[in-house]
Structures are given as C-alpha cells and as structure tokens.
Amino acid sequence: MKRLSLAVAAAGLLAPWMYHVAQSADAPARAPLAAVAVQASHAAGQVSYEGQVEAVRQTTVAAQVPGAVLSLPVKAGQRVQAGEVLARLDARAADQASIAGRAQQEVAARDLERKRQLYARQYISKAALEQAEAAYKAAAAQATAAQTTSGFHVIRAPYAGVVSAVAVEQGDMAMPGRPLLTVYDPAALRVTAQVPASALRQVSVAQARVDIAGRMVTPIRVEILPTVDPRSMTQQVRATLPGGLAVAPGQFARLWLPQGTASEGMALSGDNLQVPLKAIVRRAEMTGLYVLDQNSRPLLRQVRLGRAHGDTVEILSGLQAGERVVTDPQAAARAQ
C-alpha cells in the first residue's frame, strides 16, 4: 500500500511536465527566415591590386642647429598654417652671439667713417681705407650670420597641413638632421600600388578606380613609373585622389584596373557573387554572413568582401553560387 501511494504521487508530479511538453509540441513553428539565393552575375572583368594611401607632399622637419627643445605647441593630428610655430629651441647662446655680432658691426662702421674722413684729408693711404672697408664688410657678414642662426631656433611649418608625427618631447636635445616633426598636405594624396609589368601592357590606366573603405573613387590622374622592380617584376602605379576625401596616409586601399590577359592580383572576371549589403555581419575584425544549411538552420560564415554597388556587395571568397543567405542577421542570431 505504501509503494502504491508513492507511485501515485510521482505520477501527479510528472503530469504537469508531460502536459507542458505536449503543449510545446503543438505550439506553432517559428516563422522561416528571410533569405535570398546567391546568384552569379556577369560583370566586366577587373583586377585589383593592394595599395596604400600616400601624401604627395610630406615633409620631415628637422633642426638646423643644436639646442634643447623648450616648447612644442603642436601635437600629432593638429592642423597648422604655413609659418606657424611648431617648436622652439634654446637660443640663448645664439642670441648672445647675435648681439656680439651687431656690436662688432657698429664698431667697424664707426672706424670706417673715421678712416673715410682721414682719407679725404689725405692723412691716410687708400690701402688703409680699403682695409677699414674690408673689416666692416666682414663684421656685417658675421652679424648677419649670427642673426640668421638665431632664427633657426624657431621651427615653423613649411606649408599649411597636418602634423602626422612628433618625434621629440619637451626637454629633448635637438641636433642638426634629427627629425622633430612630420607634416603632410591633406589636399594632395594618392594611392600607390605595385602592379605586374606584364599586366600594365594589357590594360588602360585611364579606366582605373580606387576603392577606399568600400567607397569607389575615380582618380584625377594616374601615373606609371617607368622603372621595373627586378625582384618582383612590378611597376609602381600612382593614382592621385580628388580633394575632400576623409583619408589619411598609410590607409589601405585597392587599385582596380580593367582585366587583360594577366592573372595576377585579385580578379573579378566573368561571373561574380553579389549579396545584399544588409546581410553582412561585422563583429570586431570578423566580417561574415548567415548561410542556411540543408535543414534551414542559420550558420555564421566568414567571407571576404569586394566592392559595394549600391545596396549590394561582392563576395570574393567564403560563399558559393546557389547558397541561401539570410537578409536579416539579427533574426538569424535569435534563431541560432
């Protein structure tokens, strides 16, 4: 009798759980995820080459005279105007030399005036007058040199631009030739890429395009350097960018050229894959999208992107034609 009571109690405890399971099984299924089948589209053949943004005009400012760095009124990333003070060096010794030079020039000037008066009265020879004139010229040259050297202790911007690097700190000792700061002109930038010499014989650089951070830009001028690197057999191609772009030297870019017979570079010839731009998932340094498997389950897959065309983007690797891509990554993440 006691065992029977325990069995009845256990059945009473299990009954609600069994009802819950049955009720869950009868619940409506989750709505299917919106997805599109990846299709291969035919596009004009193009080849891309990795490049880098460079400043057409970039200057490394160095000291011309030794001296301790007293002040650095600018910092990296700051815009400066032409002639603006970038650094000041200790110029006390140079200032004293400049004062002494001016004093010597004044003494030589007074001596020359006296010699001229004496020569006019024929009290001294012409050789004595010429000696006084030479002494004055030497004193004037020394004074000018001392004053010019004193001005070297104030470092000024050679043109309007942006300070990209500051190589010293306040209190450091500046020496002639030692870099202090680097300034570049943000209005004059270009993309430089190494392109196989054989590929350049098959394409027209007039149709070149530049991809920077997913934005396609038409360069205002394309230049091919005549020399060929004997190791890589490549030539340097420089594409000058239009002004007003929010880019900086050192930034990664791609140079796109019409495809010829060469196969170097990253080619997009014939068929290429396009997916909706909204399907792309970016997490830290990973770029991917959700792909439905045979059971319609979303799986996150890493892919490599190409160029963006309006609301679509090219997939260079990680995806095959015919696969289904989820167009709502947030819904796919919840379903997963």
Protein backbone atom coordinates (compact mmCIF):
# COMPACT_ATOMS: atom_id res chain seq x y z
CA MET A 1 0.00 0.00 0.00
CA LYS A 2 2.84 2.37 0.78
CA ARG A 3 4.50 1.70 -2.60
CA LEU A 4 1.24 2.39 -4.37
CA SER A 5 0.93 5.76 -2.70
CA LEU A 6 4.44 6.75 -3.80
CA ALA A 7 3.69 5.76 -7.40
CA VAL A 8 0.51 7.84 -7.43
CA ALA A 9 2.36 10.84 -6.01
CA ALA A 10 5.10 10.53 -8.62
CA ALA A 11 2.56 10.36 -11.39
CA GLY A 12 0.93 13.50 -10.04
CA LEU A 13 4.26 15.33 -10.14
CA LEU A 14 5.08 14.20 -13.69
CA ALA A 15 1.69 15.03 -15.13
CA PRO A 16 2.15 18.82 -15.39
CA TRP A 17 5.57 18.38 -17.06
CA MET A 18 4.15 15.93 -19.58
CA TYR A 19 1.34 18.35 -20.36
CA HIS A 20 3.85 21.15 -20.89
CA VAL A 21 5.84 19.04 -23.31
CA ALA A 22 2.77 18.13 -25.25
CA GLN A 23 1.65 21.71 -25.36
CA SER A 24 5.11 22.84 -26.65
CA ALA A 25 5.00 20.27 -29.38
CA ASP A 26 1.67 21.63 -30.54
CA ALA A 27 2.95 25.25 -30.48
CA PRO A 28 3.20 26.99 -33.90
CA ALA A 29 6.60 26.70 -35.61
CA ARG A 30 8.93 29.69 -35.83
CA ALA A 31 8.49 31.78 -38.95
CA PRO A 32 11.08 30.97 -41.65
CA LEU A 33 13.99 33.36 -42.01
CA ALA A 34 14.03 35.70 -44.97
CA ALA A 35 16.80 34.58 -47.30
CA VAL A 36 17.97 35.04 -50.86
CA ALA A 37 19.74 32.60 -53.11
CA VAL A 38 23.17 33.75 -54.20
CA GLN A 39 23.37 34.21 -57.92
CA ALA A 40 26.41 34.69 -60.11
CA SER A 41 26.16 37.85 -62.17
CA HIS A 42 28.20 38.66 -65.25
CA ALA A 43 30.33 41.80 -64.91
CA ALA A 44 33.16 43.42 -66.76
CA GLY A 45 36.45 41.80 -65.88
CA GLN A 46 38.59 43.78 -63.47
CA VAL A 47 41.64 43.11 -61.33
CA SER A 48 42.51 44.75 -58.04
CA TYR A 49 45.91 45.35 -56.50
CA GLU A 50 46.60 46.20 -52.90
CA GLY A 51 47.80 49.73 -52.37
CA GLN A 52 48.36 52.36 -49.75
CA VAL A 53 47.41 56.00 -49.39
CA GLU A 54 50.42 58.32 -49.53
CA ALA A 55 50.88 62.04 -49.18
CA VAL A 56 52.13 63.70 -52.35
CA ARG A 57 53.68 66.44 -50.24
CA GLN A 58 55.09 65.27 -46.91
CA THR A 59 57.95 66.91 -45.04
CA THR A 60 60.07 65.72 -42.15
CA VAL A 61 61.03 68.85 -40.23
CA ALA A 62 64.48 68.69 -38.60
CA ALA A 63 66.62 71.11 -36.62
CA GLN A 64 69.43 73.01 -38.35
CA VAL A 65 71.21 73.92 -35.12
CA PRO A 66 71.64 72.12 -31.79
CA GLY A 67 69.55 73.14 -28.82
CA ALA A 68 67.21 71.90 -26.13
CA VAL A 69 63.53 71.74 -27.07
CA LEU A 70 61.84 74.42 -24.94
CA SER A 71 58.28 74.12 -26.26
CA LEU A 72 56.14 72.04 -28.61
CA PRO A 73 52.92 73.98 -29.17
CA VAL A 74 51.51 71.39 -31.61
CA LYS A 75 50.61 67.70 -31.40
CA ALA A 76 50.01 64.85 -33.82
CA GLY A 77 46.82 65.23 -35.81
CA GLN A 78 46.70 69.01 -35.46
CA ARG A 79 46.19 71.24 -38.48
CA VAL A 80 48.72 74.04 -38.88
CA GLN A 81 49.05 77.06 -41.14
CA ALA A 82 52.07 77.99 -43.22
CA GLY A 83 54.66 79.67 -40.99
CA GLU A 84 53.02 78.56 -37.75
CA VAL A 85 55.47 77.78 -34.92
CA LEU A 86 55.97 74.05 -34.48
CA ALA A 87 58.79 74.05 -31.89
CA ARG A 88 61.14 76.40 -30.11
CA LEU A 89 64.75 75.57 -29.22
CA ASP A 90 67.00 77.12 -26.60
CA ALA A 91 68.53 80.11 -28.41
CA ARG A 92 70.31 81.92 -25.56
CA ALA A 93 73.81 81.24 -26.87
CA ALA A 94 72.77 82.19 -30.42
CA ASP A 95 71.14 85.40 -29.17
CA GLN A 96 74.34 86.39 -27.36
CA ALA A 97 76.37 85.72 -30.49
CA SER A 98 73.93 87.84 -32.49
CA ILE A 99 74.29 90.74 -30.01
CA ALA A 100 78.09 90.49 -30.15
CA GLY A 101 77.99 90.45 -33.94
CA ARG A 102 75.91 93.60 -34.11
CA ALA A 103 78.25 95.34 -31.67
CA GLN A 104 81.29 94.44 -33.80
CA GLN A 105 79.50 95.74 -36.87
CA GLU A 106 78.80 99.07 -35.16
CA VAL A 107 82.46 99.43 -34.12
CA ALA A 108 83.61 98.62 -37.65
CA ALA A 109 81.13 101.14 -39.07
CA ARG A 110 82.41 103.96 -36.86
CA ASP A 111 86.03 103.07 -37.66
CA LEU A 112 85.24 103.11 -41.38
CA GLU A 113 83.66 106.55 -41.10
CA ARG A 114 86.74 107.94 -39.37
CA LYS A 115 89.00 106.39 -41.99
CA ARG A 116 86.98 107.97 -44.75
CA GLN A 117 87.32 111.39 -43.16
CA LEU A 118 91.08 110.94 -42.73
CA TYR A 119 91.45 109.74 -46.29
CA ALA A 120 89.52 112.77 -47.57
CA ARG A 121 92.10 114.98 -45.82
CA GLN A 122 94.86 112.74 -47.20
CA TYR A 123 96.03 111.74 -43.70
CA ILE A 124 95.94 108.01 -44.53
CA SER A 125 96.60 105.96 -47.62
CA LYS A 126 93.98 104.35 -49.80
CA ALA A 127 95.18 100.94 -48.64
CA ALA A 128 94.27 101.86 -45.03
CA LEU A 129 90.80 102.92 -46.16
CA GLU A 130 90.31 99.69 -48.08
CA GLN A 131 91.38 97.73 -45.03
CA ALA A 132 88.74 99.50 -42.94
CA GLU A 133 86.09 98.80 -45.58
CA ALA A 134 87.01 95.11 -45.62
CA ALA A 135 86.83 94.94 -41.82
CA TYR A 136 83.35 96.49 -41.90
CA LYS A 137 82.11 94.03 -44.52
CA ALA A 138 83.44 91.08 -42.51
CA ALA A 139 81.77 92.37 -39.32
CA ALA A 140 78.47 92.90 -41.16
CA ALA A 141 78.57 89.38 -42.61
CA GLN A 142 79.26 87.86 -39.19
CA ALA A 143 76.39 89.83 -37.66
CA THR A 144 74.00 88.68 -40.38
CA ALA A 145 75.11 85.05 -39.98
CA ALA A 146 74.64 85.23 -36.19
CA GLN A 147 71.16 86.71 -36.60
CA THR A 148 70.21 84.05 -39.16
CA THR A 149 71.46 81.26 -36.88
CA SER A 150 69.38 82.69 -34.05
CA GLY A 151 66.28 82.39 -36.24
CA PHE A 152 66.93 78.66 -36.77
CA HIS A 153 65.86 78.03 -33.16
CA VAL A 154 62.22 78.67 -34.08
CA ILE A 155 60.83 75.79 -36.19
CA ARG A 156 57.92 76.82 -38.43
CA ALA A 157 55.52 74.92 -40.68
CA PRO A 158 56.72 74.94 -44.31
CA TYR A 159 53.10 74.95 -45.59
CA ALA A 160 49.53 74.51 -44.39
CA GLY A 161 48.91 70.88 -43.48
CA VAL A 162 48.51 68.31 -40.73
CA VAL A 163 51.11 67.22 -38.18
CA SER A 164 51.27 63.45 -38.61
CA ALA A 165 54.04 62.68 -36.09
CA VAL A 166 56.01 64.36 -33.31
CA ALA A 167 59.35 62.62 -32.72
CA VAL A 168 60.61 64.60 -29.70
CA GLU A 169 59.43 65.68 -26.29
CA GLN A 170 59.91 68.91 -24.45
CA GLY A 171 63.38 68.91 -22.93
CA ASP A 172 64.94 66.65 -25.57
CA MET A 173 68.16 67.75 -27.26
CA ALA A 174 67.66 68.62 -30.90
CA MET A 175 70.59 68.03 -33.21
CA PRO A 176 71.09 69.01 -36.86
CA GLY A 177 69.40 66.43 -39.06
CA ARG A 178 67.41 64.81 -36.26
CA PRO A 179 63.68 64.61 -37.20
CA LEU A 180 61.44 66.69 -34.98
CA LEU A 181 58.02 66.57 -36.64
CA THR A 182 56.36 65.33 -39.82
CA VAL A 183 53.85 67.45 -41.73
CA TYR A 184 51.78 66.47 -44.77
CA ASP A 185 49.33 68.24 -47.05
CA PRO A 186 45.88 66.55 -46.75
CA ALA A 187 44.73 68.13 -50.01
CA ALA A 188 47.32 66.20 -52.05
CA LEU A 189 47.00 62.44 -51.54
CA ARG A 190 47.49 59.46 -53.83
CA VAL A 191 47.22 55.67 -53.80
CA THR A 192 50.35 53.72 -54.71
CA ALA A 193 50.21 50.08 -55.80
CA GLN A 194 52.69 47.60 -57.24
CA VAL A 195 51.30 46.17 -60.48
CA PRO A 196 52.96 43.44 -62.57
CA ALA A 197 54.63 44.94 -65.60
CA SER A 198 53.03 42.31 -67.83
CA ALA A 199 49.55 43.36 -66.67
CA LEU A 200 50.18 47.02 -67.46
CA ARG A 201 50.82 46.14 -71.09
CA GLN A 202 47.28 44.75 -71.37
CA VAL A 203 45.19 47.43 -69.65
CA SER A 204 44.37 51.11 -69.89
CA VAL A 205 45.07 53.00 -66.69
CA ALA A 206 42.65 55.70 -67.85
CA GLN A 207 39.85 53.42 -66.56
CA ALA A 208 41.45 52.92 -63.15
CA ARG A 209 39.36 53.16 -60.00
CA VAL A 210 40.34 53.27 -56.34
CA ASP A 211 38.47 51.53 -53.52
CA ILE A 212 38.97 53.11 -50.09
CA ALA A 213 36.96 51.75 -47.14
CA GLY A 214 34.29 50.40 -49.51
CA ARG A 215 33.94 53.67 -51.41
CA MET A 216 34.82 53.70 -55.11
CA VAL A 217 36.70 56.82 -56.22
CA THR A 218 37.80 57.96 -59.66
CA PRO A 219 41.38 59.32 -59.53
CA ILE A 220 42.10 62.64 -61.18
CA ARG A 221 45.41 61.40 -62.58
CA VAL A 222 47.16 58.02 -62.93
CA GLU A 223 50.93 57.78 -63.34
CA ILE A 224 53.07 54.71 -64.07
CA LEU A 225 56.69 54.93 -63.02
CA PRO A 226 58.99 53.77 -65.82
CA THR A 227 61.27 51.60 -63.66
CA VAL A 228 60.58 47.90 -63.01
CA ASP A 229 61.48 46.21 -59.74
CA PRO A 230 63.88 43.39 -60.74
CA ARG A 231 62.79 41.17 -57.84
CA SER A 232 59.01 41.33 -58.17
CA MET A 233 58.86 42.45 -61.82
CA THR A 234 56.31 45.09 -60.88
CA GLN A 235 55.90 48.76 -61.65
CA GLN A 236 54.59 51.39 -59.30
CA VAL A 237 51.26 52.93 -60.24
CA ARG A 238 50.26 56.20 -58.57
CA ALA A 239 46.63 57.31 -58.61
CA THR A 240 46.13 60.89 -57.43
CA LEU A 241 42.96 61.24 -55.37
CA PRO A 242 40.49 64.11 -55.58
CA GLY A 243 40.37 66.52 -52.67
CA GLY A 244 37.87 66.39 -49.84
CA LEU A 245 38.23 62.68 -49.03
CA ALA A 246 38.37 61.65 -45.36
CA VAL A 247 41.51 59.51 -45.75
CA ALA A 248 44.99 59.64 -44.26
CA PRO A 249 48.47 58.47 -45.32
CA GLY A 250 49.05 54.80 -44.57
CA GLN A 251 45.43 53.79 -45.08
CA PHE A 252 44.75 50.59 -47.02
CA ALA A 253 43.25 50.90 -50.50
CA ARG A 254 42.73 48.89 -53.66
CA LEU A 255 43.57 49.93 -57.19
CA TRP A 256 41.15 48.43 -59.73
CA LEU A 257 42.21 48.08 -63.36
CA PRO A 258 40.43 46.54 -66.36
CA GLN A 259 41.50 42.94 -66.70
CA GLY A 260 43.81 41.94 -69.52
CA THR A 261 45.47 38.59 -70.13
CA ALA A 262 47.43 38.69 -66.88
CA SER A 263 46.09 36.69 -63.94
CA GLU A 264 47.99 38.34 -61.14
CA GLY A 265 46.17 40.25 -58.45
CA MET A 266 42.63 39.53 -57.25
CA ALA A 267 40.49 39.05 -60.32
CA LEU A 268 36.78 39.55 -60.70
CA SER A 269 36.35 38.29 -64.24
CA GLY A 270 33.24 36.85 -65.78
CA ASP A 271 30.82 35.73 -63.03
CA ASN A 272 30.91 37.20 -59.53
CA LEU A 273 28.72 36.81 -56.46
CA GLN A 274 26.51 39.60 -55.14
CA VAL A 275 24.63 39.67 -51.82
CA PRO A 276 22.55 42.36 -50.12
CA LEU A 277 24.66 44.77 -48.15
CA LYS A 278 22.29 44.48 -45.18
CA ALA A 279 23.12 40.78 -44.85
CA ILE A 280 26.72 41.49 -43.83
CA VAL A 281 27.67 40.94 -40.18
CA ARG A 282 30.65 42.74 -38.65
CA ARG A 283 31.93 41.60 -35.29
CA ALA A 284 35.28 43.05 -34.17
CA GLU A 285 37.66 42.07 -37.00
CA MET A 286 35.39 39.38 -38.45
CA THR A 287 33.20 40.01 -41.49
CA GLY A 288 30.63 37.37 -42.33
CA LEU A 289 27.00 36.50 -43.06
CA TYR A 290 24.43 33.86 -42.09
CA VAL A 291 24.04 30.99 -44.55
CA LEU A 292 21.17 28.48 -44.29
CA ASP A 293 22.19 24.82 -44.24
CA GLN A 294 20.19 21.89 -45.64
CA ASN A 295 17.90 21.99 -42.59
CA SER A 296 17.34 25.76 -42.97
CA ARG A 297 19.40 26.48 -39.89
CA PRO A 298 21.42 29.73 -39.97
CA LEU A 299 25.18 29.31 -39.71
CA LEU A 300 27.54 32.26 -39.40
CA ARG A 301 30.28 32.11 -42.02
CA GLN A 302 33.26 34.40 -42.55
CA VAL A 303 33.57 35.92 -46.02
CA ARG A 304 35.81 38.32 -47.86
CA LEU A 305 34.16 41.39 -49.35
CA GLY A 306 34.83 43.12 -52.62
CA ARG A 307 33.34 46.30 -53.98
CA ALA A 308 29.97 47.69 -52.95
CA HIS A 309 27.41 48.52 -55.66
CA GLY A 310 24.54 50.50 -54.15
CA ASP A 311 22.71 48.11 -51.80
CA THR A 312 24.74 45.04 -52.80
CA VAL A 313 28.33 43.98 -52.24
CA GLU A 314 30.60 41.50 -53.99
CA ILE A 315 31.76 38.35 -52.20
CA LEU A 316 35.31 37.37 -53.12
CA SER A 317 35.59 34.19 -51.04
CA GLY A 318 33.66 32.14 -48.49
CA LEU A 319 30.44 31.71 -50.47
CA GLN A 320 29.23 29.69 -53.45
CA ALA A 321 26.54 30.32 -56.01
CA GLY A 322 23.18 28.77 -55.07
CA GLU A 323 23.62 29.05 -51.31
CA ARG A 324 20.94 30.88 -49.33
CA VAL A 325 21.93 33.97 -47.37
CA VAL A 326 19.80 35.39 -44.55
CA THR A 327 18.96 39.03 -45.18
CA ASP A 328 18.17 39.80 -41.52
CA PRO A 329 21.27 38.98 -39.41
CA GLN A 330 19.54 39.89 -36.13
CA ALA A 331 16.71 37.44 -36.75
CA ALA A 332 19.27 34.78 -37.69
CA ALA A 333 21.19 35.39 -34.46
CA ARG A 334 17.99 34.98 -32.42
CA ALA A 335 17.08 31.81 -34.27
CA GLN A 336 20.56 30.41 -33.79
